[in-house]
N, C-alpha and C. Protein backbone atom coordinates (compact mmCIF):
# COMPACT_ATOMS: atom_id res chain seq x y z
N UNK A 1 64.25 8.52 20.04
CA UNK A 1 64.07 9.21 19.04
C UNK A 1 62.55 8.90 18.21
N UNK A 2 61.79 9.80 18.04
CA UNK A 2 60.47 10.14 17.68
C UNK A 2 60.29 9.54 16.15
N UNK A 3 59.54 8.58 16.06
CA UNK A 3 59.07 7.87 14.81
C UNK A 3 57.74 8.13 14.53
N UNK A 4 57.50 7.98 13.20
CA UNK A 4 55.93 8.63 12.70
C UNK A 4 55.97 7.61 11.36
N UNK A 5 55.89 6.29 11.53
CA UNK A 5 55.86 5.40 10.14
C UNK A 5 54.61 5.78 9.39
N UNK A 6 54.86 5.66 8.11
CA UNK A 6 53.89 5.67 7.10
C UNK A 6 52.77 4.64 7.30
N UNK A 7 51.55 4.80 7.04
CA UNK A 7 50.56 3.78 6.61
C UNK A 7 49.98 3.55 5.14
N UNK A 8 49.91 2.34 4.88
CA UNK A 8 49.22 2.32 3.62
C UNK A 8 47.87 2.53 3.64
N UNK A 9 47.59 2.97 2.58
CA UNK A 9 46.29 3.40 2.34
C UNK A 9 45.41 2.21 2.21
N UNK A 10 45.89 1.06 1.68
CA UNK A 10 44.84 -0.03 1.91
C UNK A 10 44.87 -0.80 2.67
N UNK A 11 45.51 -0.14 3.94
CA UNK A 11 45.57 -1.04 5.13
C UNK A 11 44.30 -0.38 6.00
N UNK A 12 43.80 0.89 5.61
CA UNK A 12 42.74 1.79 6.31
C UNK A 12 41.97 1.00 6.41
N UNK A 13 40.83 1.08 7.51
CA UNK A 13 39.09 0.59 7.51
C UNK A 13 38.72 1.07 6.24
N UNK A 14 37.79 0.40 5.94
CA UNK A 14 36.52 0.76 4.93
C UNK A 14 35.36 0.98 5.67
N UNK A 15 34.92 1.89 5.62
CA UNK A 15 33.22 2.40 6.32
C UNK A 15 32.31 1.83 5.84
N UNK A 16 32.43 1.27 4.56
CA UNK A 16 31.38 0.31 3.92
C UNK A 16 31.21 -1.02 4.69
N UNK A 17 32.27 -1.52 5.38
CA UNK A 17 32.56 -2.71 6.03
C UNK A 17 32.15 -2.83 7.22
N UNK A 18 31.59 -1.80 7.68
CA UNK A 18 30.90 -1.74 9.08
C UNK A 18 29.46 -2.11 9.17
N UNK A 19 29.28 -2.55 10.31
CA UNK A 19 27.77 -3.18 10.84
C UNK A 19 26.88 -1.97 10.94
N UNK A 20 26.28 -1.24 9.63
CA UNK A 20 25.81 0.04 10.26
C UNK A 20 24.29 -0.21 10.83
N UNK A 21 23.75 0.23 11.73
CA UNK A 21 22.42 0.27 12.34
C UNK A 21 21.58 1.31 11.63
N UNK A 22 20.54 0.76 11.14
CA UNK A 22 19.73 1.81 10.56
C UNK A 22 18.73 2.24 11.80
N UNK A 23 18.35 3.45 11.34
CA UNK A 23 17.19 4.45 12.33
C UNK A 23 15.91 3.72 12.63
N UNK A 24 15.35 3.96 13.55
CA UNK A 24 14.03 3.29 13.90
C UNK A 24 13.05 3.13 12.69
N UNK A 25 12.60 1.99 12.46
CA UNK A 25 11.55 1.89 11.36
C UNK A 25 10.56 3.20 11.19
N UNK A 26 10.22 3.50 12.30
CA UNK A 26 9.00 4.47 12.52
C UNK A 26 9.53 5.99 12.05
N UNK A 27 10.84 6.25 12.05
CA UNK A 27 11.55 7.69 11.98
C UNK A 27 11.23 8.16 10.49
N UNK A 28 11.01 7.47 9.10
CA UNK A 28 10.42 8.21 7.97
C UNK A 28 8.91 8.49 8.21
N UNK A 29 8.02 7.69 8.92
CA UNK A 29 6.95 8.13 9.22
C UNK A 29 6.68 9.18 10.03
N UNK A 30 7.63 9.48 11.34
CA UNK A 30 7.57 10.44 12.00
C UNK A 30 7.81 11.69 11.26
N UNK A 31 8.85 11.84 10.44
CA UNK A 31 9.24 12.98 9.79
C UNK A 31 8.29 13.30 8.76
N UNK A 32 7.64 12.27 8.04
CA UNK A 32 6.52 12.65 7.15
C UNK A 32 5.40 13.36 7.95
N UNK A 33 4.88 12.72 9.30
CA UNK A 33 4.01 13.54 9.95
C UNK A 33 4.17 14.91 10.16
N UNK A 34 5.37 15.18 10.51
CA UNK A 34 6.16 16.73 10.89
C UNK A 34 5.80 17.25 9.43
N UNK A 35 6.30 16.98 8.46
CA UNK A 35 6.14 17.48 7.35
C UNK A 35 4.64 17.72 6.92
N UNK A 36 3.91 16.78 6.97
CA UNK A 36 2.31 17.05 6.97
C UNK A 36 1.55 17.96 7.75
N UNK A 37 2.01 18.35 8.79
CA UNK A 37 1.56 19.42 9.42
C UNK A 37 2.23 20.67 8.92
N UNK A 38 3.31 20.55 8.55
CA UNK A 38 3.71 21.87 8.00
C UNK A 38 2.98 22.41 6.54
N UNK A 39 2.84 21.15 5.85
CA UNK A 39 2.05 21.28 4.56
C UNK A 39 0.52 21.97 4.95
N UNK A 40 0.03 21.27 6.01
CA UNK A 40 -1.26 21.66 5.98
C UNK A 40 -1.42 22.89 6.58
N UNK A 41 -0.36 23.48 7.46
CA UNK A 41 -0.69 24.91 7.95
C UNK A 41 -0.38 25.55 6.78
N UNK A 42 0.41 25.31 5.63
CA UNK A 42 0.66 26.27 4.43
C UNK A 42 -0.58 26.30 3.40
N UNK A 43 -1.46 25.22 3.34
CA UNK A 43 -2.33 25.12 2.79
C UNK A 43 -3.34 26.39 3.50
N UNK A 44 -3.63 26.02 4.47
CA UNK A 44 -4.28 27.05 5.37
C UNK A 44 -4.10 28.42 4.98
N UNK A 45 -2.88 28.64 5.14
CA UNK A 45 -2.36 29.88 4.94
C UNK A 45 -2.93 30.64 3.45
N UNK A 46 -2.51 29.77 2.55
CA UNK A 46 -2.82 30.00 1.06
C UNK A 46 -4.19 29.99 0.90
N UNK A 47 -5.26 30.09 1.77
CA UNK A 47 -6.67 30.42 1.69
C UNK A 47 -7.07 31.71 2.44
N UNK A 48 -6.16 32.09 3.29
CA UNK A 48 -6.39 33.39 4.12
C UNK A 48 -6.49 34.34 2.66
N UNK A 49 -6.06 34.75 1.92
CA UNK A 49 -6.16 35.85 0.79
C UNK A 49 -7.32 35.66 0.22
N UNK A 50 -8.18 34.47 -0.03
CA UNK A 50 -9.31 34.24 -0.52
C UNK A 50 -10.51 34.68 0.35
N UNK A 51 -10.50 34.28 1.28
CA UNK A 51 -11.51 34.35 2.60
C UNK A 51 -11.50 36.02 3.13
N UNK A 52 -10.15 36.46 3.44
CA UNK A 52 -10.23 38.00 3.00
C UNK A 52 -10.84 38.72 2.01
N UNK A 53 -10.99 38.11 0.83
CA UNK A 53 -11.37 38.97 -0.53
C UNK A 53 -13.02 38.81 -0.52
N UNK A 54 -13.74 38.06 0.44
CA UNK A 54 -14.91 37.50 0.50
C UNK A 54 -15.11 36.45 -0.22
N UNK A 55 -14.34 35.45 -0.40
CA UNK A 55 -14.69 34.24 -0.99
C UNK A 55 -14.38 33.81 -2.48
N UNK A 56 -13.53 35.31 -3.10
CA UNK A 56 -12.75 34.77 -4.49
C UNK A 56 -11.53 34.04 -4.30
N UNK A 57 -11.83 32.66 -4.72
CA UNK A 57 -10.94 31.54 -4.63
C UNK A 57 -10.08 31.64 -5.86
N UNK A 58 -10.34 32.22 -6.83
CA UNK A 58 -9.57 32.09 -8.45
C UNK A 58 -8.13 32.45 -7.92
N UNK A 59 -7.87 33.77 -7.23
CA UNK A 59 -6.68 34.10 -7.31
C UNK A 59 -5.67 33.24 -6.38
N UNK A 60 -6.07 32.67 -5.65
CA UNK A 60 -5.27 31.60 -4.68
C UNK A 60 -5.38 30.26 -4.92
N UNK A 61 -5.86 30.31 -6.35
CA UNK A 61 -5.72 28.66 -6.76
C UNK A 61 -4.28 28.44 -7.10
N UNK A 62 -3.45 28.82 -7.85
CA UNK A 62 -2.23 28.94 -8.61
C UNK A 62 -1.21 28.61 -6.73
N UNK A 63 -1.47 29.31 -5.93
CA UNK A 63 -0.69 29.18 -4.60
C UNK A 63 -1.02 27.88 -4.01
N UNK A 64 -2.01 27.41 -3.81
CA UNK A 64 -2.42 26.14 -3.45
C UNK A 64 -2.19 24.89 -4.38
N UNK A 65 -2.14 25.15 -5.57
CA UNK A 65 -1.65 24.32 -6.72
C UNK A 65 -0.15 24.33 -6.45
N UNK A 66 0.65 25.15 -6.23
CA UNK A 66 2.23 25.20 -5.91
C UNK A 66 2.72 24.71 -4.97
N UNK A 67 1.28 24.73 -3.36
CA UNK A 67 1.51 23.93 -2.19
C UNK A 67 1.88 22.49 -2.36
N UNK A 68 0.73 22.12 -3.20
CA UNK A 68 0.48 20.66 -3.48
C UNK A 68 1.50 20.14 -4.43
N UNK A 69 2.17 20.90 -5.29
CA UNK A 69 3.19 20.24 -6.23
C UNK A 69 4.38 20.23 -5.35
N UNK A 70 4.66 21.22 -4.65
CA UNK A 70 5.92 21.17 -4.01
C UNK A 70 5.83 20.30 -2.61
N UNK A 71 4.52 19.63 -1.87
CA UNK A 71 4.46 18.83 -0.74
C UNK A 71 4.58 17.84 -1.45
N UNK A 72 4.47 17.42 -2.26
CA UNK A 72 4.44 15.54 -2.72
C UNK A 72 5.93 15.22 -2.73
N UNK A 73 6.98 15.73 -3.06
CA UNK A 73 8.33 15.55 -3.06
C UNK A 73 8.85 15.71 -1.32
N UNK A 74 8.23 16.75 -0.97
CA UNK A 74 8.43 17.28 0.45
C UNK A 74 8.13 15.92 1.36
N UNK A 75 7.47 15.55 0.95
CA UNK A 75 6.46 14.36 2.08
C UNK A 75 7.09 13.13 1.66
N UNK A 76 7.74 12.85 0.46
CA UNK A 76 8.16 11.97 0.08
C UNK A 76 9.68 11.56 0.44
N UNK A 77 10.44 12.54 0.52
CA UNK A 77 11.73 12.74 0.86
C UNK A 77 12.47 11.76 2.20
N UNK A 78 11.81 12.09 3.14
CA UNK A 78 12.03 11.17 4.29
C UNK A 78 12.34 9.58 3.78
N UNK A 79 11.62 9.17 3.09
CA UNK A 79 11.65 7.74 2.44
C UNK A 79 12.89 7.58 1.79
N UNK A 80 13.42 8.71 1.13
CA UNK A 80 14.65 8.43 0.71
C UNK A 80 16.03 8.67 1.53
N UNK A 81 15.57 9.77 2.60
CA UNK A 81 16.85 9.86 3.23
C UNK A 81 17.18 9.19 4.55
N UNK A 82 16.24 8.84 5.00
CA UNK A 82 16.13 8.00 6.42
C UNK A 82 16.90 6.33 6.07
N UNK A 83 16.67 5.81 4.93
CA UNK A 83 17.48 4.82 4.78
C UNK A 83 18.94 5.06 4.57
N UNK A 84 19.50 6.35 4.27
CA UNK A 84 20.84 6.53 3.78
C UNK A 84 21.68 7.03 5.35
N UNK A 85 20.73 6.84 6.87
CA UNK A 85 21.54 7.11 7.88
C UNK A 85 21.45 5.88 8.67
N UNK A 86 22.85 6.23 9.33
CA UNK A 86 23.11 4.92 10.32
C UNK A 86 24.17 5.30 11.14
N UNK A 87 24.29 4.26 12.08
CA UNK A 87 25.42 4.72 13.31
C UNK A 87 25.95 3.28 13.59
N UNK A 88 27.34 3.24 13.97
CA UNK A 88 28.09 1.94 14.49
C UNK A 88 28.50 2.50 15.91
N UNK A 89 28.61 1.53 16.74
CA UNK A 89 29.19 1.88 17.97
C UNK A 89 30.58 0.61 17.81
N UNK A 90 31.57 1.53 18.14
CA UNK A 90 32.98 0.55 17.97
C UNK A 90 33.50 0.86 19.60
N UNK A 91 34.80 0.17 19.93
CA UNK A 91 35.13 0.10 21.23
C UNK A 91 35.62 1.46 21.32
N UNK A 92 36.17 2.34 20.43
CA UNK A 92 36.57 3.61 20.89
C UNK A 92 35.92 4.95 20.75
N UNK A 93 34.72 4.80 19.76
CA UNK A 93 34.03 5.73 19.22
C UNK A 93 32.89 5.29 18.49
N UNK A 94 31.79 6.48 18.45
CA UNK A 94 30.61 5.98 17.82
C UNK A 94 30.77 6.67 16.38
N UNK A 95 30.19 6.31 15.32
CA UNK A 95 30.07 6.77 13.96
C UNK A 95 28.87 6.94 13.21
N UNK A 96 28.62 7.94 12.97
CA UNK A 96 27.39 8.34 12.10
C UNK A 96 27.44 9.01 10.98
N UNK A 97 26.52 8.27 9.90
CA UNK A 97 26.55 8.79 8.63
C UNK A 97 25.44 9.07 8.19
N UNK A 98 25.06 10.18 7.24
CA UNK A 98 23.61 10.65 6.49
C UNK A 98 24.23 11.38 5.39
N UNK A 99 23.05 11.50 4.62
CA UNK A 99 22.97 12.46 3.60
C UNK A 99 22.94 11.62 2.02
N UNK A 100 22.32 12.13 1.51
CA UNK A 100 21.76 11.48 0.09
C UNK A 100 22.70 12.20 -0.99
N UNK A 101 22.55 13.29 -1.21
CA UNK A 101 23.62 13.88 -2.23
C UNK A 101 24.99 14.57 -1.52
N UNK A 102 24.65 15.32 -0.47
CA UNK A 102 25.99 15.57 0.23
C UNK A 102 26.15 14.59 1.33
N UNK A 103 26.93 13.57 1.45
CA UNK A 103 27.15 12.54 2.70
C UNK A 103 28.05 12.81 3.32
N UNK A 104 27.75 12.64 4.83
CA UNK A 104 28.72 12.94 5.71
C UNK A 104 28.90 11.54 6.50
N UNK A 105 30.13 11.49 7.14
CA UNK A 105 30.38 10.32 8.00
C UNK A 105 31.01 11.23 9.15
N UNK A 106 30.84 11.22 10.36
CA UNK A 106 31.32 11.87 11.58
C UNK A 106 31.56 10.52 12.51
N UNK A 107 32.99 10.79 13.05
CA UNK A 107 33.32 9.79 14.06
C UNK A 107 33.52 10.30 15.43
N UNK A 108 33.06 10.23 16.74
CA UNK A 108 33.45 11.19 17.97
C UNK A 108 33.94 9.95 18.57
N UNK A 109 35.27 10.28 19.01
CA UNK A 109 35.88 9.00 19.91
C UNK A 109 35.43 9.52 21.30
N UNK A 110 35.26 8.27 22.06
CA UNK A 110 34.48 8.53 23.58
C UNK A 110 35.35 9.10 24.32
N UNK A 111 36.72 9.28 24.09
CA UNK A 111 37.61 10.29 25.05
C UNK A 111 37.54 11.68 24.91
N UNK A 112 36.77 12.01 23.95
CA UNK A 112 36.34 13.59 23.94
C UNK A 112 35.01 14.09 24.22
N UNK A 113 34.33 13.12 24.66
CA UNK A 113 32.78 13.37 25.23
C UNK A 113 32.64 13.90 26.48
N UNK A 114 31.93 14.63 26.62
CA UNK A 114 31.95 15.33 27.45
C UNK A 114 30.60 15.46 28.47
N UNK A 115 29.85 15.13 27.71
CA UNK A 115 28.22 15.19 28.11
C UNK A 115 27.41 14.28 27.09
N UNK A 116 26.44 13.55 27.38
CA UNK A 116 25.36 12.89 26.63
C UNK A 116 24.06 13.14 27.10
N UNK A 117 23.26 13.18 26.32
CA UNK A 117 21.69 13.52 26.71
C UNK A 117 21.13 12.96 25.80
N UNK A 118 19.77 12.37 26.17
CA UNK A 118 18.51 12.24 25.11
C UNK A 118 17.51 13.19 25.28
N UNK A 119 16.82 13.41 24.11
CA UNK A 119 15.46 14.25 24.38
C UNK A 119 14.66 13.87 23.31
N UNK A 120 13.44 14.50 23.24
CA UNK A 120 12.56 13.93 22.46
C UNK A 120 11.38 14.84 22.60
N UNK A 121 10.54 15.09 21.26
CA UNK A 121 9.46 16.11 21.37
C UNK A 121 8.15 15.37 21.25
N UNK A 122 6.98 16.09 21.42
CA UNK A 122 5.86 15.39 21.44
C UNK A 122 5.46 14.48 20.17
N UNK A 123 5.98 14.61 19.13
CA UNK A 123 5.93 14.13 18.06
C UNK A 123 6.84 12.69 18.25
N UNK A 124 7.87 12.83 18.65
CA UNK A 124 8.85 11.72 18.80
C UNK A 124 8.38 10.84 19.89
N UNK A 125 7.75 11.33 20.85
CA UNK A 125 7.08 10.30 21.83
C UNK A 125 6.09 9.55 21.43
N UNK A 126 5.19 10.30 20.44
CA UNK A 126 4.13 9.35 19.78
C UNK A 126 4.67 8.03 18.91
N UNK A 127 5.88 8.48 18.53
CA UNK A 127 6.25 7.44 17.62
C UNK A 127 7.34 6.62 18.28
N UNK A 128 7.42 6.68 19.69
CA UNK A 128 8.25 6.06 20.31
C UNK A 128 9.64 6.40 20.02
N UNK A 129 10.20 7.52 19.55
CA UNK A 129 11.71 8.02 19.22
C UNK A 129 12.11 8.93 20.14
N UNK A 130 13.84 8.74 20.04
CA UNK A 130 14.29 10.13 20.80
C UNK A 130 15.63 10.37 20.07
N UNK A 131 16.07 11.47 20.75
CA UNK A 131 17.42 11.85 19.83
C UNK A 131 18.70 11.90 20.87
N UNK A 132 19.92 11.16 20.19
CA UNK A 132 20.62 11.27 21.12
C UNK A 132 21.61 12.29 20.75
N UNK A 133 21.99 13.32 22.25
CA UNK A 133 22.89 14.45 21.59
C UNK A 133 24.37 13.94 22.39
N UNK A 134 25.39 13.96 21.64
CA UNK A 134 26.85 14.17 22.37
C UNK A 134 27.58 15.25 22.23
N UNK A 135 27.81 15.82 23.41
CA UNK A 135 28.99 16.95 23.36
C UNK A 135 30.14 16.80 23.60
N UNK A 136 31.13 16.90 22.93
CA UNK A 136 32.58 16.69 23.03
C UNK A 136 33.23 17.97 23.86
N UNK A 137 34.32 17.66 23.96
CA UNK A 137 35.39 18.74 24.49
C UNK A 137 36.13 19.73 23.19
N UNK A 138 36.29 20.72 23.27
CA UNK A 138 36.50 21.80 22.23
C UNK A 138 35.54 22.52 21.58
N UNK A 139 34.52 22.69 21.82
CA UNK A 139 33.44 23.39 21.31
C UNK A 139 32.43 22.71 20.57
N UNK A 140 31.40 23.47 19.87
CA UNK A 140 30.43 22.88 19.09
C UNK A 140 30.76 22.19 17.98
N UNK A 141 31.85 22.32 17.08
CA UNK A 141 32.00 21.71 16.25
C UNK A 141 31.97 20.25 16.09
N UNK A 142 32.46 19.66 17.18
CA UNK A 142 32.45 18.13 17.01
C UNK A 142 31.47 17.25 17.63
N UNK A 143 30.21 18.45 18.25
CA UNK A 143 29.15 17.47 18.77
C UNK A 143 28.47 16.81 17.70
N UNK A 144 27.46 15.65 18.29
CA UNK A 144 26.83 15.03 17.23
C UNK A 144 25.65 14.90 17.80
N UNK A 145 24.73 14.74 16.86
CA UNK A 145 23.31 14.53 17.33
C UNK A 145 22.67 13.64 16.28
N UNK A 146 21.82 12.61 16.94
CA UNK A 146 21.34 11.52 16.01
C UNK A 146 19.80 11.44 16.47
N UNK A 147 19.19 11.76 15.32
CA UNK A 147 17.76 11.66 15.66
C UNK A 147 17.45 10.13 15.15
N UNK A 148 16.31 10.00 15.42
CA UNK A 148 15.33 8.70 14.96
C UNK A 148 15.82 7.19 15.58
N UNK A 149 16.31 7.63 16.71
CA UNK A 149 16.60 6.39 17.51
C UNK A 149 15.32 5.99 18.36
N UNK A 150 14.98 4.37 18.38
CA UNK A 150 13.90 4.19 19.41
C UNK A 150 14.33 4.58 20.97
N UNK A 151 13.33 5.22 21.44
CA UNK A 151 13.77 5.70 22.91
C UNK A 151 14.26 4.78 23.84
N UNK A 152 14.27 3.59 23.55
CA UNK A 152 14.93 2.60 24.62
C UNK A 152 16.19 2.58 24.14
N UNK A 153 16.68 2.38 22.64
CA UNK A 153 18.06 2.22 22.18
C UNK A 153 18.83 3.88 22.90
N UNK A 154 18.03 4.94 22.47
CA UNK A 154 18.59 6.42 22.60
C UNK A 154 19.31 6.00 24.23
N UNK A 155 18.45 5.59 25.20
CA UNK A 155 18.88 5.69 26.58
C UNK A 155 19.94 4.63 26.86
N UNK A 156 19.96 3.39 26.13
CA UNK A 156 20.79 2.64 26.39
C UNK A 156 22.29 2.89 26.05
N UNK A 157 22.13 3.61 24.72
CA UNK A 157 23.30 4.21 24.14
C UNK A 157 23.82 5.42 24.90
N UNK A 158 23.03 6.09 25.72
CA UNK A 158 23.29 7.40 26.60
C UNK A 158 23.93 6.58 27.85
N UNK A 159 23.71 5.73 28.20
CA UNK A 159 24.31 4.96 29.46
C UNK A 159 25.52 4.34 29.35
N UNK A 160 25.72 3.39 27.94
CA UNK A 160 26.65 3.19 27.41
C UNK A 160 28.10 3.90 27.12
N UNK A 161 27.60 5.37 26.66
CA UNK A 161 28.88 6.28 26.13
C UNK A 161 29.13 6.89 27.59
N UNK A 162 28.43 7.03 28.85
CA UNK A 162 28.79 7.63 29.91
C UNK A 162 29.70 6.71 30.68
N UNK A 163 29.25 5.25 30.41
CA UNK A 163 30.01 4.34 30.88
C UNK A 163 31.44 4.34 30.66
N UNK A 164 31.61 4.23 29.03
CA UNK A 164 32.92 4.32 28.47
C UNK A 164 33.88 5.44 28.67
N UNK A 165 33.39 6.68 28.95
CA UNK A 165 33.89 7.77 29.33
C UNK A 165 33.87 7.96 30.92
N UNK A 166 33.28 7.26 31.62
CA UNK A 166 33.86 6.85 32.92
C UNK A 166 33.03 8.10 34.02
N UNK A 167 32.22 8.76 32.98
CA UNK A 167 31.12 9.51 34.07
C UNK A 167 30.35 8.86 34.80
N UNK A 168 29.78 9.54 35.93
CA UNK A 168 28.76 8.80 36.75
C UNK A 168 27.56 8.82 35.98
N UNK A 169 26.78 8.24 36.12
CA UNK A 169 25.47 7.91 35.69
C UNK A 169 24.12 8.16 36.09
N UNK A 170 23.31 9.39 36.07
CA UNK A 170 22.35 9.90 36.71
C UNK A 170 20.99 9.44 36.31
N UNK A 171 20.14 9.14 37.16
CA UNK A 171 18.75 8.84 36.41
C UNK A 171 18.42 9.97 35.61
N UNK A 172 17.87 9.79 34.36
CA UNK A 172 17.73 11.02 33.14
C UNK A 172 16.12 10.95 33.25
C-alpha cells in the first residue's frame, strides 16, 4: 500500500544554517566598472545636444546633473547586492541565493542537470571572474546562472557537477 507520511515543519532544514559561499571579492568592483562605463557613455551622450547647438551648454546642464545624481546610487548598488548573493554545494544539489528587496533561493538537483558551462566577458577576464551556467531538463525555467565566481572556482564547480551527473568531462 502507498504511504505518504507527513513531515513536521520544524524538521525541515533551515537555509540560514547552510555554509554559504560568497561571490569572489572582486565581483562588486567588476560590476561597478561595468556601470562606470555605462555612466561615462551616458555623460558623453548628454553633451551631444550642446555640441550640436554650437557650444551652448546651459540646456544640457540639467541632463548631466541628472546623470550624476542617478549614477551615485547606480555605482554603489553592487556594494549592497553582491554580499547578499551566495551558493552552497550539497551532496545532491547546488543552492543559490540572491536579492536585496526581492530575495530568491534556487536549488538545482544534480539529477536534473543536462549541461554545465562556464563563460566570461572581457571585463570578467580582467577581474579573473567567470559565470557558471547550469542547464536542466524540462526547459529554461529550471536553469541557473551564477555570476561572480573566480574563474578557477567556476571551472572546478563545472567539473564537479559534470562528475556528479555522470557526464563525460571534456576540456573546455
